[in-house]
Amino acid sequence: MRTALLSLIAVRLLTAQVPASPPPETPALVRFVAPPYPRAAKLLRIAGTASAQITIGPDGSVTGAKTIDSHAVFENYVLDALRQWRFRTSDRAHSLEIAFRFEFDDKCEGTDKHPILSETRVSAELPTVVHIKTGLQCMERTDAQSRR
């Protein structure tokens, strides 16, 4: 019993001596570019997701970007946007995964009095999650606008 207790204390003392390495910290994002909602996806009312991995160089530029999983219509838009991101400089390269969600909000049908206008909104939990939501916004015409 005494030997087991001494062994346990020795193990704890030895592990306490080894400094734990802090988890690698991602540099702060200083330039964010959101991918547009592709026109074809908007016209066909396509929603979907994309996930990508980027490599950030010590100078803060994105030195590599590749999709891990993506709906085909969104892939190039995501990669083009990611290549424009910039991060704060760091002492080493970093790797980061980002999830994109493209949502289509179909809540309006156009009529003579309610033409359809396109509207896209972006929200994010940067730098790892980006939401791009588009839809159709109704705008009621006044009688004066209808007569033009």
N, C-alpha and C. Protein backbone atom coordinates (compact mmCIF):
# COMPACT_ATOMS: atom_id res chain seq x y z
N MET A 1 0.84 -1.19 0.00
CA MET A 1 0.00 0.00 0.00
C MET A 1 0.88 1.25 0.00
N ARG A 2 1.88 1.22 0.85
CA ARG A 2 2.79 2.35 0.98
C ARG A 2 3.59 2.54 -0.32
N THR A 3 3.98 1.46 -0.94
CA THR A 3 4.73 1.53 -2.19
C THR A 3 3.86 2.11 -3.31
N ALA A 4 2.61 1.70 -3.35
CA ALA A 4 1.69 2.21 -4.37
C ALA A 4 1.48 3.70 -4.20
N LEU A 5 1.35 4.13 -2.95
CA LEU A 5 1.15 5.55 -2.66
C LEU A 5 2.39 6.35 -3.06
N LEU A 6 3.57 5.84 -2.74
CA LEU A 6 4.80 6.54 -3.12
C LEU A 6 4.96 6.60 -4.64
N SER A 7 4.58 5.52 -5.31
CA SER A 7 4.66 5.50 -6.78
C SER A 7 3.73 6.54 -7.39
N LEU A 8 2.53 6.64 -6.83
CA LEU A 8 1.55 7.61 -7.32
C LEU A 8 2.06 9.04 -7.12
N ILE A 9 2.66 9.31 -5.99
CA ILE A 9 3.20 10.65 -5.71
C ILE A 9 4.35 10.94 -6.66
N ALA A 10 5.21 9.95 -6.91
CA ALA A 10 6.35 10.14 -7.81
C ALA A 10 5.88 10.45 -9.23
N VAL A 11 4.86 9.72 -9.68
CA VAL A 11 4.33 9.97 -11.03
C VAL A 11 3.76 11.37 -11.13
N ARG A 12 3.03 11.79 -10.12
CA ARG A 12 2.45 13.14 -10.14
C ARG A 12 3.52 14.22 -10.14
N LEU A 13 4.57 14.01 -9.37
CA LEU A 13 5.66 14.99 -9.34
C LEU A 13 6.37 15.06 -10.69
N LEU A 14 6.59 13.93 -11.32
CA LEU A 14 7.26 13.91 -12.62
C LEU A 14 6.41 14.57 -13.70
N THR A 15 5.12 14.29 -13.71
CA THR A 15 4.27 14.91 -14.72
C THR A 15 4.08 16.40 -14.46
N ALA A 16 4.19 16.81 -13.22
CA ALA A 16 4.08 18.24 -12.90
C ALA A 16 5.30 19.00 -13.41
N GLN A 17 6.43 18.32 -13.56
CA GLN A 17 7.66 18.95 -14.02
C GLN A 17 7.63 19.25 -15.52
N VAL A 18 6.86 18.47 -16.27
CA VAL A 18 6.80 18.64 -17.72
C VAL A 18 5.78 19.74 -18.03
N PRO A 19 6.24 20.84 -18.60
CA PRO A 19 5.28 21.90 -18.90
C PRO A 19 4.34 21.46 -20.01
N ALA A 20 3.06 21.71 -19.81
CA ALA A 20 2.07 21.39 -20.84
C ALA A 20 2.15 22.44 -21.93
N SER A 21 2.21 21.99 -23.18
CA SER A 21 2.29 22.97 -24.26
C SER A 21 0.89 23.54 -24.50
N PRO A 22 0.81 24.85 -24.59
CA PRO A 22 -0.51 25.46 -24.82
C PRO A 22 -1.03 25.07 -26.20
N PRO A 23 -2.33 24.98 -26.36
CA PRO A 23 -2.87 24.66 -27.69
C PRO A 23 -2.51 25.77 -28.66
N PRO A 24 -2.24 25.40 -29.89
CA PRO A 24 -1.87 26.45 -30.86
C PRO A 24 -3.02 27.43 -31.04
N GLU A 25 -2.71 28.70 -30.98
CA GLU A 25 -3.75 29.72 -31.11
C GLU A 25 -3.79 30.24 -32.54
N THR A 26 -4.97 30.37 -33.02
CA THR A 26 -5.17 30.90 -34.36
C THR A 26 -5.00 32.42 -34.30
N PRO A 27 -4.22 32.97 -35.21
CA PRO A 27 -4.09 34.43 -35.22
C PRO A 27 -5.44 35.10 -35.49
N ALA A 28 -5.56 36.33 -35.08
CA ALA A 28 -6.80 37.08 -35.28
C ALA A 28 -7.03 37.38 -36.75
N LEU A 29 -8.28 37.24 -37.16
CA LEU A 29 -8.68 37.55 -38.53
C LEU A 29 -8.77 39.07 -38.66
N VAL A 30 -8.07 39.64 -39.64
CA VAL A 30 -8.11 41.09 -39.83
C VAL A 30 -8.80 41.51 -41.12
N ARG A 31 -8.97 40.57 -42.05
CA ARG A 31 -9.71 40.87 -43.28
C ARG A 31 -10.60 39.68 -43.61
N PHE A 32 -11.90 39.92 -43.59
CA PHE A 32 -12.89 38.89 -43.85
C PHE A 32 -13.60 39.20 -45.16
N VAL A 33 -13.69 38.21 -46.03
CA VAL A 33 -14.44 38.33 -47.28
C VAL A 33 -15.43 37.18 -47.30
N ALA A 34 -16.71 37.50 -47.38
CA ALA A 34 -17.75 36.47 -47.43
C ALA A 34 -17.96 36.02 -48.87
N PRO A 35 -18.17 34.74 -49.07
CA PRO A 35 -18.50 34.31 -50.44
C PRO A 35 -19.90 34.79 -50.81
N PRO A 36 -20.10 35.16 -52.06
CA PRO A 36 -21.46 35.55 -52.46
C PRO A 36 -22.34 34.31 -52.58
N TYR A 37 -23.63 34.54 -52.52
CA TYR A 37 -24.56 33.44 -52.79
C TYR A 37 -24.61 33.33 -54.30
N PRO A 38 -24.18 32.19 -54.87
CA PRO A 38 -24.12 32.09 -56.33
C PRO A 38 -25.48 32.35 -56.99
N ARG A 39 -25.44 33.07 -58.08
CA ARG A 39 -26.68 33.43 -58.78
C ARG A 39 -27.47 32.19 -59.20
N ALA A 40 -26.76 31.19 -59.72
CA ALA A 40 -27.45 29.95 -60.14
C ALA A 40 -28.14 29.28 -58.96
N ALA A 41 -27.48 29.27 -57.81
CA ALA A 41 -28.08 28.66 -56.62
C ALA A 41 -29.29 29.45 -56.16
N LYS A 42 -29.20 30.75 -56.28
CA LYS A 42 -30.31 31.60 -55.88
C LYS A 42 -31.52 31.39 -56.80
N LEU A 43 -31.27 31.37 -58.10
CA LEU A 43 -32.36 31.18 -59.05
C LEU A 43 -33.04 29.82 -58.90
N LEU A 44 -32.23 28.81 -58.59
CA LEU A 44 -32.78 27.46 -58.42
C LEU A 44 -33.16 27.15 -56.97
N ARG A 45 -32.98 28.15 -56.09
CA ARG A 45 -33.32 28.02 -54.67
C ARG A 45 -32.58 26.85 -54.02
N ILE A 46 -31.28 26.80 -54.28
CA ILE A 46 -30.44 25.74 -53.72
C ILE A 46 -29.81 26.22 -52.43
N ALA A 47 -29.88 25.40 -51.41
CA ALA A 47 -29.20 25.65 -50.13
C ALA A 47 -28.19 24.52 -49.95
N GLY A 48 -27.18 24.76 -49.13
CA GLY A 48 -26.19 23.70 -48.89
C GLY A 48 -25.10 24.15 -47.96
N THR A 49 -24.11 23.29 -47.82
CA THR A 49 -23.00 23.58 -46.92
C THR A 49 -21.68 23.37 -47.64
N ALA A 50 -20.65 23.90 -47.03
CA ALA A 50 -19.29 23.67 -47.49
C ALA A 50 -18.38 23.73 -46.27
N SER A 51 -17.40 22.88 -46.22
CA SER A 51 -16.38 22.99 -45.19
C SER A 51 -15.04 23.01 -45.89
N ALA A 52 -14.15 23.83 -45.37
CA ALA A 52 -12.85 24.01 -46.01
C ALA A 52 -11.75 24.06 -44.96
N GLN A 53 -10.55 23.80 -45.42
CA GLN A 53 -9.39 23.91 -44.55
C GLN A 53 -8.43 24.91 -45.19
N ILE A 54 -7.90 25.82 -44.37
CA ILE A 54 -6.94 26.79 -44.88
C ILE A 54 -5.64 26.66 -44.10
N THR A 55 -4.57 27.05 -44.76
CA THR A 55 -3.27 27.16 -44.11
C THR A 55 -2.93 28.64 -44.10
N ILE A 56 -2.55 29.12 -42.93
CA ILE A 56 -2.23 30.53 -42.74
C ILE A 56 -0.72 30.65 -42.56
N GLY A 57 -0.09 31.43 -43.41
CA GLY A 57 1.35 31.63 -43.31
C GLY A 57 1.71 32.58 -42.17
N PRO A 58 2.97 32.59 -41.76
CA PRO A 58 3.39 33.50 -40.68
C PRO A 58 3.11 34.98 -40.97
N ASP A 59 3.04 35.33 -42.27
CA ASP A 59 2.75 36.73 -42.62
C ASP A 59 1.26 37.06 -42.55
N GLY A 60 0.42 36.05 -42.24
CA GLY A 60 -1.02 36.27 -42.10
C GLY A 60 -1.82 36.00 -43.35
N SER A 61 -1.15 35.69 -44.46
CA SER A 61 -1.89 35.40 -45.69
C SER A 61 -2.31 33.94 -45.72
N VAL A 62 -3.35 33.67 -46.48
CA VAL A 62 -3.81 32.29 -46.67
C VAL A 62 -2.94 31.68 -47.76
N THR A 63 -2.13 30.71 -47.37
CA THR A 63 -1.20 30.11 -48.32
C THR A 63 -1.77 28.86 -48.99
N GLY A 64 -2.86 28.34 -48.44
CA GLY A 64 -3.49 27.18 -49.04
C GLY A 64 -4.94 27.11 -48.62
N ALA A 65 -5.80 26.70 -49.54
CA ALA A 65 -7.22 26.55 -49.24
C ALA A 65 -7.74 25.36 -50.03
N LYS A 66 -8.45 24.47 -49.35
CA LYS A 66 -9.05 23.33 -50.03
C LYS A 66 -10.37 22.99 -49.35
N THR A 67 -11.29 22.49 -50.15
CA THR A 67 -12.57 22.10 -49.57
C THR A 67 -12.45 20.68 -49.04
N ILE A 68 -13.10 20.44 -47.93
CA ILE A 68 -13.17 19.11 -47.34
C ILE A 68 -14.44 18.43 -47.82
N ASP A 69 -15.51 19.21 -47.84
CA ASP A 69 -16.81 18.72 -48.29
C ASP A 69 -17.59 19.94 -48.74
N SER A 70 -18.22 19.85 -49.91
CA SER A 70 -18.93 21.03 -50.40
C SER A 70 -19.96 20.64 -51.44
N HIS A 71 -21.08 21.35 -51.44
CA HIS A 71 -22.02 21.28 -52.56
C HIS A 71 -21.28 21.93 -53.73
N ALA A 72 -21.31 21.31 -54.89
CA ALA A 72 -20.52 21.77 -56.04
C ALA A 72 -20.75 23.23 -56.42
N VAL A 73 -21.97 23.70 -56.30
CA VAL A 73 -22.28 25.07 -56.72
C VAL A 73 -21.60 26.12 -55.83
N PHE A 74 -21.26 25.75 -54.59
CA PHE A 74 -20.67 26.72 -53.66
C PHE A 74 -19.14 26.66 -53.59
N GLU A 75 -18.54 25.58 -54.04
CA GLU A 75 -17.12 25.31 -53.81
C GLU A 75 -16.19 26.43 -54.27
N ASN A 76 -16.25 26.84 -55.52
CA ASN A 76 -15.33 27.87 -56.01
C ASN A 76 -15.53 29.21 -55.33
N TYR A 77 -16.76 29.55 -54.99
CA TYR A 77 -17.04 30.81 -54.31
C TYR A 77 -16.39 30.83 -52.92
N VAL A 78 -16.48 29.70 -52.23
CA VAL A 78 -15.89 29.58 -50.89
C VAL A 78 -14.36 29.72 -50.99
N LEU A 79 -13.75 28.99 -51.90
CA LEU A 79 -12.30 29.04 -52.04
C LEU A 79 -11.81 30.43 -52.45
N ASP A 80 -12.52 31.07 -53.37
CA ASP A 80 -12.12 32.43 -53.79
C ASP A 80 -12.18 33.40 -52.61
N ALA A 81 -13.22 33.30 -51.79
CA ALA A 81 -13.34 34.19 -50.63
C ALA A 81 -12.24 33.91 -49.61
N LEU A 82 -11.99 32.64 -49.31
CA LEU A 82 -10.99 32.28 -48.31
C LEU A 82 -9.59 32.76 -48.69
N ARG A 83 -9.27 32.72 -49.96
CA ARG A 83 -7.93 33.17 -50.41
C ARG A 83 -7.72 34.67 -50.17
N GLN A 84 -8.81 35.41 -49.93
CA GLN A 84 -8.70 36.85 -49.67
C GLN A 84 -8.63 37.18 -48.18
N TRP A 85 -8.85 36.18 -47.32
CA TRP A 85 -8.79 36.43 -45.88
C TRP A 85 -7.35 36.76 -45.49
N ARG A 86 -7.22 37.60 -44.46
CA ARG A 86 -5.91 37.94 -43.91
C ARG A 86 -5.99 37.85 -42.39
N PHE A 87 -4.91 37.38 -41.81
CA PHE A 87 -4.81 37.20 -40.36
C PHE A 87 -3.65 38.03 -39.83
N ARG A 88 -3.63 38.24 -38.54
CA ARG A 88 -2.53 38.93 -37.89
C ARG A 88 -1.26 38.07 -38.05
N THR A 89 -0.13 38.71 -38.17
CA THR A 89 1.12 37.96 -38.32
C THR A 89 1.38 37.10 -37.09
N SER A 90 2.13 36.02 -37.32
CA SER A 90 2.39 35.05 -36.26
C SER A 90 3.81 34.53 -36.43
N ASP A 91 4.26 33.79 -35.44
CA ASP A 91 5.62 33.25 -35.52
C ASP A 91 5.69 31.93 -36.30
N ARG A 92 4.53 31.42 -36.71
CA ARG A 92 4.53 30.13 -37.43
C ARG A 92 3.25 30.02 -38.27
N ALA A 93 3.19 28.99 -39.07
CA ALA A 93 2.01 28.71 -39.90
C ALA A 93 0.93 28.06 -39.03
N HIS A 94 -0.32 28.23 -39.42
CA HIS A 94 -1.46 27.65 -38.72
C HIS A 94 -2.38 26.98 -39.73
N SER A 95 -3.21 26.07 -39.23
CA SER A 95 -4.21 25.41 -40.06
C SER A 95 -5.56 25.59 -39.38
N LEU A 96 -6.60 25.77 -40.17
CA LEU A 96 -7.91 26.07 -39.61
C LEU A 96 -9.00 25.50 -40.51
N GLU A 97 -10.04 24.95 -39.90
CA GLU A 97 -11.21 24.48 -40.65
C GLU A 97 -12.35 25.49 -40.49
N ILE A 98 -13.05 25.74 -41.59
CA ILE A 98 -14.15 26.69 -41.58
C ILE A 98 -15.38 26.03 -42.18
N ALA A 99 -16.53 26.25 -41.54
CA ALA A 99 -17.80 25.71 -42.02
C ALA A 99 -18.64 26.85 -42.60
N PHE A 100 -19.21 26.62 -43.76
CA PHE A 100 -20.08 27.58 -44.42
C PHE A 100 -21.46 26.98 -44.56
N ARG A 101 -22.48 27.78 -44.27
CA ARG A 101 -23.87 27.36 -44.47
C ARG A 101 -24.56 28.35 -45.38
N PHE A 102 -25.04 27.85 -46.50
CA PHE A 102 -25.78 28.67 -47.46
C PHE A 102 -27.24 28.31 -47.30
N GLU A 103 -28.05 29.30 -46.92
CA GLU A 103 -29.47 29.06 -46.68
C GLU A 103 -30.31 29.92 -47.61
N PHE A 104 -31.41 29.34 -48.07
CA PHE A 104 -32.33 30.08 -48.92
C PHE A 104 -33.64 30.24 -48.17
N ASP A 105 -34.06 31.49 -48.02
CA ASP A 105 -35.30 31.80 -47.31
C ASP A 105 -36.36 32.13 -48.36
N ASP A 106 -37.28 31.22 -48.57
CA ASP A 106 -38.27 31.35 -49.63
C ASP A 106 -39.61 31.79 -49.03
N LYS A 107 -39.72 33.07 -48.73
CA LYS A 107 -40.93 33.52 -48.07
C LYS A 107 -41.73 34.55 -48.86
N CYS A 108 -41.43 34.73 -50.13
CA CYS A 108 -42.15 35.75 -50.89
C CYS A 108 -42.37 35.29 -52.32
N GLU A 109 -43.54 35.48 -52.82
CA GLU A 109 -43.84 35.23 -54.23
C GLU A 109 -44.14 36.59 -54.86
N GLY A 110 -43.60 36.83 -56.01
CA GLY A 110 -43.79 38.12 -56.65
C GLY A 110 -45.13 38.28 -57.33
N THR A 111 -45.66 39.47 -57.28
CA THR A 111 -46.88 39.84 -57.98
C THR A 111 -46.67 41.24 -58.55
N ASP A 112 -47.66 41.78 -59.24
CA ASP A 112 -47.54 43.14 -59.75
C ASP A 112 -47.36 44.15 -58.62
N LYS A 113 -48.05 43.92 -57.51
CA LYS A 113 -47.95 44.84 -56.38
C LYS A 113 -46.77 44.52 -55.46
N HIS A 114 -46.25 43.31 -55.55
CA HIS A 114 -45.16 42.88 -54.67
C HIS A 114 -44.01 42.28 -55.50
N PRO A 115 -43.21 43.13 -56.15
CA PRO A 115 -42.10 42.58 -56.93
C PRO A 115 -41.06 41.95 -56.02
N ILE A 116 -40.32 41.03 -56.59
CA ILE A 116 -39.29 40.34 -55.82
C ILE A 116 -37.97 41.10 -55.91
N LEU A 117 -37.36 41.34 -54.78
CA LEU A 117 -36.03 41.94 -54.71
C LEU A 117 -35.12 40.93 -54.01
N SER A 118 -33.91 40.84 -54.45
CA SER A 118 -32.96 39.91 -53.84
C SER A 118 -32.29 40.55 -52.63
N GLU A 119 -32.08 39.76 -51.60
CA GLU A 119 -31.41 40.25 -50.39
C GLU A 119 -30.56 39.12 -49.83
N THR A 120 -29.31 39.42 -49.50
CA THR A 120 -28.41 38.42 -48.92
C THR A 120 -27.83 38.99 -47.63
N ARG A 121 -27.80 38.14 -46.61
CA ARG A 121 -27.26 38.54 -45.31
C ARG A 121 -26.16 37.57 -44.91
N VAL A 122 -25.12 38.10 -44.26
CA VAL A 122 -24.01 37.28 -43.79
C VAL A 122 -23.88 37.47 -42.29
N SER A 123 -23.74 36.35 -41.59
CA SER A 123 -23.41 36.40 -40.17
C SER A 123 -22.32 35.36 -39.94
N ALA A 124 -21.58 35.51 -38.86
CA ALA A 124 -20.46 34.59 -38.67
C ALA A 124 -20.04 34.50 -37.22
N GLU A 125 -19.48 33.37 -36.88
CA GLU A 125 -18.74 33.20 -35.64
C GLU A 125 -17.30 32.99 -36.10
N LEU A 126 -16.65 34.10 -36.38
CA LEU A 126 -15.33 34.07 -37.00
C LEU A 126 -14.27 33.57 -36.04
N PRO A 127 -13.30 32.84 -36.54
CA PRO A 127 -13.08 32.57 -37.96
C PRO A 127 -13.57 31.19 -38.41
N THR A 128 -14.40 30.51 -37.65
CA THR A 128 -14.69 29.11 -37.98
C THR A 128 -16.06 28.83 -38.59
N VAL A 129 -17.02 29.73 -38.48
CA VAL A 129 -18.36 29.47 -39.02
C VAL A 129 -18.87 30.71 -39.74
N VAL A 130 -19.38 30.50 -40.96
CA VAL A 130 -19.92 31.60 -41.75
C VAL A 130 -21.29 31.17 -42.28
N HIS A 131 -22.31 32.02 -42.08
CA HIS A 131 -23.67 31.77 -42.57
C HIS A 131 -23.98 32.80 -43.66
N ILE A 132 -24.40 32.31 -44.80
CA ILE A 132 -24.83 33.18 -45.88
C ILE A 132 -26.28 32.84 -46.16
N LYS A 133 -27.15 33.80 -45.97
CA LYS A 133 -28.58 33.55 -46.13
C LYS A 133 -29.12 34.52 -47.17
N THR A 134 -29.81 33.97 -48.14
CA THR A 134 -30.40 34.81 -49.17
C THR A 134 -31.87 34.48 -49.28
N GLY A 135 -32.55 35.32 -49.94
CA GLY A 135 -33.98 35.09 -50.12
C GLY A 135 -34.56 36.14 -51.02
N LEU A 136 -35.83 36.21 -50.97
CA LEU A 136 -36.56 37.17 -51.77
C LEU A 136 -37.30 38.10 -50.84
N GLN A 137 -37.09 39.36 -51.02
CA GLN A 137 -37.73 40.35 -50.17
C GLN A 137 -38.87 40.97 -50.95
N CYS A 138 -40.03 41.03 -50.36
CA CYS A 138 -41.17 41.67 -51.02
C CYS A 138 -41.14 43.16 -50.76
N MET A 139 -41.45 43.90 -51.79
CA MET A 139 -41.53 45.34 -51.64
C MET A 139 -42.83 45.78 -52.28
N GLU A 140 -43.71 46.32 -51.51
CA GLU A 140 -45.01 46.71 -52.03
C GLU A 140 -44.88 48.01 -52.82
N ARG A 141 -45.44 48.00 -54.00
CA ARG A 141 -45.44 49.21 -54.84
C ARG A 141 -46.59 50.12 -54.43
N THR A 142 -46.35 51.39 -54.53
CA THR A 142 -47.43 52.34 -54.33
C THR A 142 -48.19 52.48 -55.64
N ASP A 143 -49.35 53.06 -55.63
CA ASP A 143 -50.12 53.25 -56.86
C ASP A 143 -49.36 54.06 -57.89
N ALA A 144 -48.59 55.06 -57.44
CA ALA A 144 -47.82 55.90 -58.36
C ALA A 144 -46.75 55.08 -59.06
N GLN A 145 -46.10 54.15 -58.36
CA GLN A 145 -45.08 53.31 -58.96
C GLN A 145 -45.70 52.30 -59.94
N SER A 146 -46.91 51.85 -59.65
CA SER A 146 -47.57 50.86 -60.51
C SER A 146 -47.91 51.46 -61.87
N ARG A 147 -48.19 52.76 -61.93
CA ARG A 147 -48.62 53.40 -63.18
C ARG A 147 -47.46 53.72 -64.10
N ARG A 148 -46.24 53.65 -63.66
CA ARG A 148 -45.08 54.02 -64.49
C ARG A 148 -44.84 53.06 -65.59
